[in-house]
């Protein structure tokens, strides 16, 4: 997926396309995760879809739930979803930072190789 350090660096346009692809993947993962959270809060706790949205988005954003959980099934769902949301937060950060870090590392390798001449 990424070019080898011996290959030329991507043009700015190619890099922007790569970033947009990573952004699209991340947005899709967040959208699916948000829907799962909304459904779970709606199904297990009887919250409205809007309240489910608030709780799920707060967890995905790394903040924490807003409404108190009353049922055992709701508590089990909320705990599992909180763990899942923490992982999604880290995955999205990694997916969005990977192209930037790769580009920086690639640039460093190109500069080092020019210095070897």
N, C-alpha and C. Protein backbone atom coordinates (compact mmCIF):
# COMPACT_ATOMS: atom_id res chain seq x y z
N UNK A 1 0.82 -1.19 0.00
CA UNK A 1 0.00 0.00 0.00
C UNK A 1 0.87 1.27 0.00
N UNK A 2 1.96 1.22 0.75
CA UNK A 2 2.86 2.37 0.78
C UNK A 2 4.09 2.09 -0.07
N UNK A 3 4.65 3.14 -0.63
CA UNK A 3 5.82 2.97 -1.48
C UNK A 3 7.05 2.67 -0.63
N UNK A 4 7.96 1.89 -1.20
CA UNK A 4 9.20 1.53 -0.53
C UNK A 4 10.09 2.75 -0.42
N UNK A 5 10.99 2.74 0.53
CA UNK A 5 11.85 3.91 0.73
C UNK A 5 12.76 4.20 -0.45
N UNK A 6 12.98 3.21 -1.32
CA UNK A 6 13.81 3.44 -2.50
C UNK A 6 13.02 4.07 -3.65
N UNK A 7 11.71 4.10 -3.54
CA UNK A 7 10.85 4.69 -4.57
C UNK A 7 10.70 6.19 -4.31
N UNK A 8 10.38 6.95 -5.36
CA UNK A 8 10.19 8.39 -5.16
C UNK A 8 8.97 8.67 -4.28
N UNK A 9 9.01 9.81 -3.63
CA UNK A 9 7.91 10.21 -2.76
C UNK A 9 6.69 10.56 -3.62
N UNK A 10 5.50 10.33 -3.08
CA UNK A 10 4.27 10.65 -3.79
C UNK A 10 4.18 12.15 -4.05
N UNK A 11 3.53 12.51 -5.12
CA UNK A 11 3.26 13.92 -5.36
C UNK A 11 2.24 14.40 -4.34
N UNK A 12 2.07 15.69 -4.24
CA UNK A 12 1.11 16.24 -3.28
C UNK A 12 -0.31 15.76 -3.60
N UNK A 13 -0.66 15.70 -4.87
CA UNK A 13 -1.99 15.23 -5.26
C UNK A 13 -2.22 13.77 -4.89
N UNK A 14 -1.20 12.94 -5.12
CA UNK A 14 -1.31 11.52 -4.75
C UNK A 14 -1.42 11.36 -3.24
N UNK A 15 -0.67 12.17 -2.51
CA UNK A 15 -0.73 12.11 -1.05
C UNK A 15 -2.11 12.53 -0.54
N UNK A 16 -2.67 13.57 -1.14
CA UNK A 16 -4.00 14.02 -0.75
C UNK A 16 -5.04 12.93 -1.02
N UNK A 17 -4.91 12.25 -2.16
CA UNK A 17 -5.82 11.12 -2.46
C UNK A 17 -5.67 10.01 -1.43
N UNK A 18 -4.44 9.73 -1.04
CA UNK A 18 -4.20 8.71 -0.01
C UNK A 18 -4.86 9.12 1.30
N UNK A 19 -4.69 10.37 1.68
CA UNK A 19 -5.29 10.87 2.93
C UNK A 19 -6.82 10.80 2.85
N UNK A 20 -7.38 11.14 1.70
CA UNK A 20 -8.84 11.07 1.55
C UNK A 20 -9.34 9.63 1.66
N UNK A 21 -8.58 8.68 1.15
CA UNK A 21 -8.94 7.27 1.30
C UNK A 21 -8.92 6.84 2.75
N UNK A 22 -7.90 7.25 3.48
CA UNK A 22 -7.82 6.93 4.90
C UNK A 22 -8.94 7.63 5.68
N UNK A 23 -9.24 8.84 5.28
CA UNK A 23 -10.33 9.57 5.93
C UNK A 23 -11.68 8.89 5.66
N UNK A 24 -11.89 8.43 4.44
CA UNK A 24 -13.13 7.74 4.10
C UNK A 24 -13.28 6.45 4.90
N UNK A 25 -12.19 5.67 5.01
CA UNK A 25 -12.24 4.45 5.81
C UNK A 25 -12.58 4.77 7.26
N UNK A 26 -11.91 5.79 7.81
CA UNK A 26 -12.14 6.18 9.21
C UNK A 26 -13.57 6.66 9.42
N UNK A 27 -14.08 7.46 8.49
CA UNK A 27 -15.45 7.96 8.61
C UNK A 27 -16.45 6.81 8.55
N UNK A 28 -16.19 5.83 7.68
CA UNK A 28 -17.07 4.67 7.60
C UNK A 28 -17.07 3.87 8.89
N UNK A 29 -15.88 3.65 9.45
CA UNK A 29 -15.77 2.91 10.71
C UNK A 29 -16.50 3.65 11.83
N UNK A 30 -16.34 4.96 11.90
CA UNK A 30 -17.02 5.74 12.93
C UNK A 30 -18.52 5.72 12.71
N UNK A 31 -18.99 5.82 11.47
CA UNK A 31 -20.43 5.81 11.19
C UNK A 31 -21.06 4.48 11.59
N UNK A 32 -20.42 3.37 11.23
CA UNK A 32 -20.95 2.05 11.60
C UNK A 32 -20.93 1.90 13.12
N UNK A 33 -19.84 2.31 13.75
CA UNK A 33 -19.73 2.21 15.20
C UNK A 33 -20.77 3.07 15.90
N UNK A 34 -21.01 4.24 15.37
CA UNK A 34 -22.02 5.13 15.94
C UNK A 34 -23.40 4.50 15.84
N UNK A 35 -23.72 3.91 14.71
CA UNK A 35 -25.02 3.27 14.54
C UNK A 35 -25.18 2.10 15.51
N UNK A 36 -24.13 1.28 15.65
CA UNK A 36 -24.20 0.15 16.59
C UNK A 36 -24.45 0.66 18.01
N UNK A 37 -23.76 1.71 18.40
CA UNK A 37 -23.96 2.29 19.73
C UNK A 37 -25.37 2.84 19.91
N UNK A 38 -25.85 3.55 18.91
CA UNK A 38 -27.22 4.10 18.98
C UNK A 38 -28.24 2.97 19.11
N UNK A 39 -28.06 1.92 18.31
CA UNK A 39 -28.98 0.80 18.36
C UNK A 39 -28.96 0.13 19.73
N UNK A 40 -27.76 -0.07 20.26
CA UNK A 40 -27.63 -0.73 21.56
C UNK A 40 -28.28 0.06 22.69
N UNK A 41 -28.04 1.34 22.72
CA UNK A 41 -28.67 2.17 23.77
C UNK A 41 -30.18 2.22 23.59
N UNK A 42 -30.61 2.26 22.36
CA UNK A 42 -32.06 2.27 22.09
C UNK A 42 -32.69 0.92 22.46
N UNK A 43 -32.04 -0.16 22.08
CA UNK A 43 -32.60 -1.50 22.30
C UNK A 43 -32.52 -1.92 23.77
N UNK A 44 -31.36 -1.78 24.40
CA UNK A 44 -31.15 -2.30 25.75
C UNK A 44 -31.60 -1.35 26.86
N UNK A 45 -31.55 -0.07 26.61
CA UNK A 45 -31.91 0.90 27.65
C UNK A 45 -33.20 1.65 27.34
N UNK A 46 -33.73 1.46 26.16
CA UNK A 46 -34.97 2.15 25.80
C UNK A 46 -34.79 3.64 25.61
N UNK A 47 -33.56 4.07 25.36
CA UNK A 47 -33.32 5.49 25.13
C UNK A 47 -33.81 5.87 23.73
N UNK A 48 -34.13 7.13 23.56
CA UNK A 48 -34.51 7.60 22.23
C UNK A 48 -33.28 7.50 21.32
N UNK A 49 -33.52 7.53 20.01
CA UNK A 49 -32.40 7.47 19.08
C UNK A 49 -31.45 8.64 19.29
N UNK A 50 -31.99 9.80 19.63
CA UNK A 50 -31.16 10.98 19.85
C UNK A 50 -30.30 10.81 21.10
N UNK A 51 -30.89 10.29 22.18
CA UNK A 51 -30.11 10.04 23.39
C UNK A 51 -29.07 8.94 23.14
N UNK A 52 -29.42 7.94 22.35
CA UNK A 52 -28.46 6.91 21.98
C UNK A 52 -27.30 7.50 21.19
N UNK A 53 -27.62 8.46 20.31
CA UNK A 53 -26.60 9.15 19.53
C UNK A 53 -25.64 9.89 20.45
N UNK A 54 -26.19 10.61 21.43
CA UNK A 54 -25.34 11.38 22.35
C UNK A 54 -24.41 10.45 23.12
N UNK A 55 -24.96 9.37 23.67
CA UNK A 55 -24.14 8.44 24.45
C UNK A 55 -23.07 7.78 23.59
N UNK A 56 -23.45 7.29 22.41
CA UNK A 56 -22.50 6.61 21.54
C UNK A 56 -21.42 7.57 21.05
N UNK A 57 -21.80 8.77 20.68
CA UNK A 57 -20.80 9.72 20.17
C UNK A 57 -19.86 10.18 21.28
N UNK A 58 -20.37 10.32 22.48
CA UNK A 58 -19.50 10.70 23.60
C UNK A 58 -18.48 9.60 23.88
N UNK A 59 -18.90 8.34 23.82
CA UNK A 59 -17.96 7.24 24.03
C UNK A 59 -16.95 7.15 22.89
N UNK A 60 -17.41 7.30 21.67
CA UNK A 60 -16.49 7.25 20.53
C UNK A 60 -15.50 8.41 20.55
N UNK A 61 -15.91 9.52 21.12
CA UNK A 61 -15.03 10.67 21.23
C UNK A 61 -14.10 10.62 22.43
N UNK A 62 -14.22 9.57 23.23
CA UNK A 62 -13.34 9.40 24.37
C UNK A 62 -13.80 10.09 25.63
N UNK A 63 -15.06 10.51 25.69
CA UNK A 63 -15.54 11.26 26.85
C UNK A 63 -16.21 10.36 27.90
N UNK A 64 -17.25 9.67 27.53
CA UNK A 64 -17.99 8.83 28.47
C UNK A 64 -19.48 9.01 28.27
N UNK A 65 -20.28 8.07 28.78
CA UNK A 65 -21.73 8.13 28.57
C UNK A 65 -22.37 9.29 29.33
N UNK A 66 -23.55 9.69 28.87
CA UNK A 66 -24.28 10.81 29.47
C UNK A 66 -25.39 10.30 30.40
N UNK A 67 -26.18 9.36 29.90
CA UNK A 67 -27.32 8.85 30.66
C UNK A 67 -26.91 7.73 31.61
N UNK A 68 -27.62 7.63 32.72
CA UNK A 68 -27.40 6.54 33.66
C UNK A 68 -27.97 5.25 33.07
N UNK A 69 -27.26 4.15 33.28
CA UNK A 69 -27.68 2.86 32.77
C UNK A 69 -28.45 2.13 33.87
N UNK A 70 -29.65 1.59 33.53
CA UNK A 70 -30.52 1.00 34.55
C UNK A 70 -30.62 -0.52 34.47
N UNK A 71 -30.56 -1.10 33.29
CA UNK A 71 -30.77 -2.55 33.16
C UNK A 71 -29.44 -3.29 33.13
N UNK A 72 -29.48 -4.56 33.53
CA UNK A 72 -28.27 -5.38 33.48
C UNK A 72 -27.77 -5.54 32.04
N UNK A 73 -28.71 -5.78 31.12
CA UNK A 73 -28.32 -5.92 29.72
C UNK A 73 -27.71 -4.61 29.21
N UNK A 74 -28.29 -3.49 29.62
CA UNK A 74 -27.75 -2.19 29.22
C UNK A 74 -26.36 -1.96 29.78
N UNK A 75 -26.13 -2.40 31.01
CA UNK A 75 -24.79 -2.24 31.61
C UNK A 75 -23.77 -3.11 30.88
N UNK A 76 -24.16 -4.32 30.53
CA UNK A 76 -23.26 -5.21 29.80
C UNK A 76 -22.95 -4.61 28.42
N UNK A 77 -23.98 -4.13 27.74
CA UNK A 77 -23.76 -3.50 26.43
C UNK A 77 -22.86 -2.28 26.56
N UNK A 78 -23.17 -1.41 27.53
CA UNK A 78 -22.41 -0.17 27.69
C UNK A 78 -20.94 -0.45 27.99
N UNK A 79 -20.67 -1.46 28.81
CA UNK A 79 -19.29 -1.80 29.12
C UNK A 79 -18.54 -2.30 27.90
N UNK A 80 -19.17 -3.21 27.16
CA UNK A 80 -18.54 -3.74 25.95
C UNK A 80 -18.37 -2.65 24.90
N UNK A 81 -19.37 -1.80 24.77
CA UNK A 81 -19.30 -0.73 23.77
C UNK A 81 -18.22 0.29 24.15
N UNK A 82 -18.06 0.54 25.44
CA UNK A 82 -17.03 1.48 25.88
C UNK A 82 -15.64 0.95 25.53
N UNK A 83 -15.42 -0.35 25.76
CA UNK A 83 -14.13 -0.94 25.38
C UNK A 83 -13.92 -0.87 23.88
N UNK A 84 -14.95 -1.20 23.13
CA UNK A 84 -14.90 -1.14 21.67
C UNK A 84 -14.63 0.29 21.19
N UNK A 85 -15.33 1.25 21.78
CA UNK A 85 -15.18 2.64 21.37
C UNK A 85 -13.76 3.14 21.62
N UNK A 86 -13.15 2.70 22.71
CA UNK A 86 -11.77 3.08 22.98
C UNK A 86 -10.83 2.55 21.91
N UNK A 87 -11.07 1.32 21.46
CA UNK A 87 -10.25 0.76 20.39
C UNK A 87 -10.48 1.48 19.07
N UNK A 88 -11.72 1.81 18.77
CA UNK A 88 -12.02 2.54 17.54
C UNK A 88 -11.33 3.89 17.54
N UNK A 89 -11.34 4.56 18.68
CA UNK A 89 -10.67 5.85 18.81
C UNK A 89 -9.19 5.71 18.44
N UNK A 90 -8.54 4.70 18.98
CA UNK A 90 -7.11 4.49 18.70
C UNK A 90 -6.87 4.08 17.25
N UNK A 91 -7.74 3.22 16.72
CA UNK A 91 -7.59 2.77 15.33
C UNK A 91 -7.74 3.93 14.36
N UNK A 92 -8.74 4.77 14.58
CA UNK A 92 -8.96 5.92 13.70
C UNK A 92 -7.77 6.88 13.77
N UNK A 93 -7.26 7.11 14.97
CA UNK A 93 -6.09 7.98 15.10
C UNK A 93 -4.90 7.39 14.33
N UNK A 94 -4.70 6.09 14.45
CA UNK A 94 -3.60 5.44 13.74
C UNK A 94 -3.77 5.48 12.23
N UNK A 95 -4.98 5.22 11.76
CA UNK A 95 -5.24 5.21 10.32
C UNK A 95 -5.03 6.61 9.73
N UNK A 96 -5.42 7.64 10.47
CA UNK A 96 -5.26 9.01 9.96
C UNK A 96 -3.82 9.51 10.06
N UNK A 97 -3.08 9.02 11.05
CA UNK A 97 -1.69 9.47 11.21
C UNK A 97 -0.71 8.67 10.36
N UNK A 98 -1.05 7.45 9.99
CA UNK A 98 -0.12 6.57 9.28
C UNK A 98 0.44 7.20 8.00
N UNK A 99 -0.39 7.77 7.13
CA UNK A 99 0.19 8.35 5.90
C UNK A 99 1.13 9.53 6.19
N UNK A 100 0.80 10.31 7.20
CA UNK A 100 1.63 11.47 7.54
C UNK A 100 2.99 11.00 8.08
N UNK A 101 2.95 10.04 8.99
CA UNK A 101 4.19 9.52 9.56
C UNK A 101 5.03 8.83 8.48
N UNK A 102 4.37 8.09 7.60
CA UNK A 102 5.09 7.44 6.50
C UNK A 102 5.76 8.47 5.61
N UNK A 103 5.05 9.54 5.31
CA UNK A 103 5.61 10.58 4.43
C UNK A 103 6.83 11.24 5.07
N UNK A 104 6.74 11.49 6.37
CA UNK A 104 7.88 12.10 7.09
C UNK A 104 9.07 11.14 7.07
N UNK A 105 8.81 9.86 7.38
CA UNK A 105 9.89 8.87 7.38
C UNK A 105 10.49 8.73 5.98
N UNK A 106 9.64 8.73 4.97
CA UNK A 106 10.12 8.62 3.58
C UNK A 106 11.02 9.81 3.24
N UNK A 107 10.61 10.99 3.63
CA UNK A 107 11.40 12.20 3.36
C UNK A 107 12.75 12.11 4.06
N UNK A 108 12.77 11.62 5.29
CA UNK A 108 14.03 11.48 6.02
C UNK A 108 14.96 10.50 5.30
N UNK A 109 14.40 9.37 4.83
CA UNK A 109 15.22 8.39 4.12
C UNK A 109 15.76 8.94 2.82
N UNK A 110 14.96 9.74 2.11
CA UNK A 110 15.44 10.34 0.86
C UNK A 110 16.58 11.32 1.13
N UNK A 111 16.47 12.09 2.21
CA UNK A 111 17.53 13.04 2.56
C UNK A 111 18.79 12.29 2.96
N UNK A 112 18.63 11.19 3.72
CA UNK A 112 19.80 10.39 4.13
C UNK A 112 20.49 9.78 2.92
N UNK A 113 19.71 9.28 1.96
CA UNK A 113 20.29 8.66 0.76
C UNK A 113 21.00 9.70 -0.09
N UNK A 114 20.52 10.93 -0.14
CA UNK A 114 21.20 11.99 -0.90
C UNK A 114 22.54 12.32 -0.23
N UNK A 115 22.58 12.23 1.08
CA UNK A 115 23.82 12.52 1.81
C UNK A 115 24.87 11.44 1.65
N UNK A 116 24.47 10.23 1.27
CA UNK A 116 25.42 9.12 1.10
C UNK A 116 26.24 9.25 -0.18
N UNK A 117 25.82 10.10 -1.10
CA UNK A 117 26.51 10.22 -2.40
C UNK A 117 27.87 10.81 -2.26
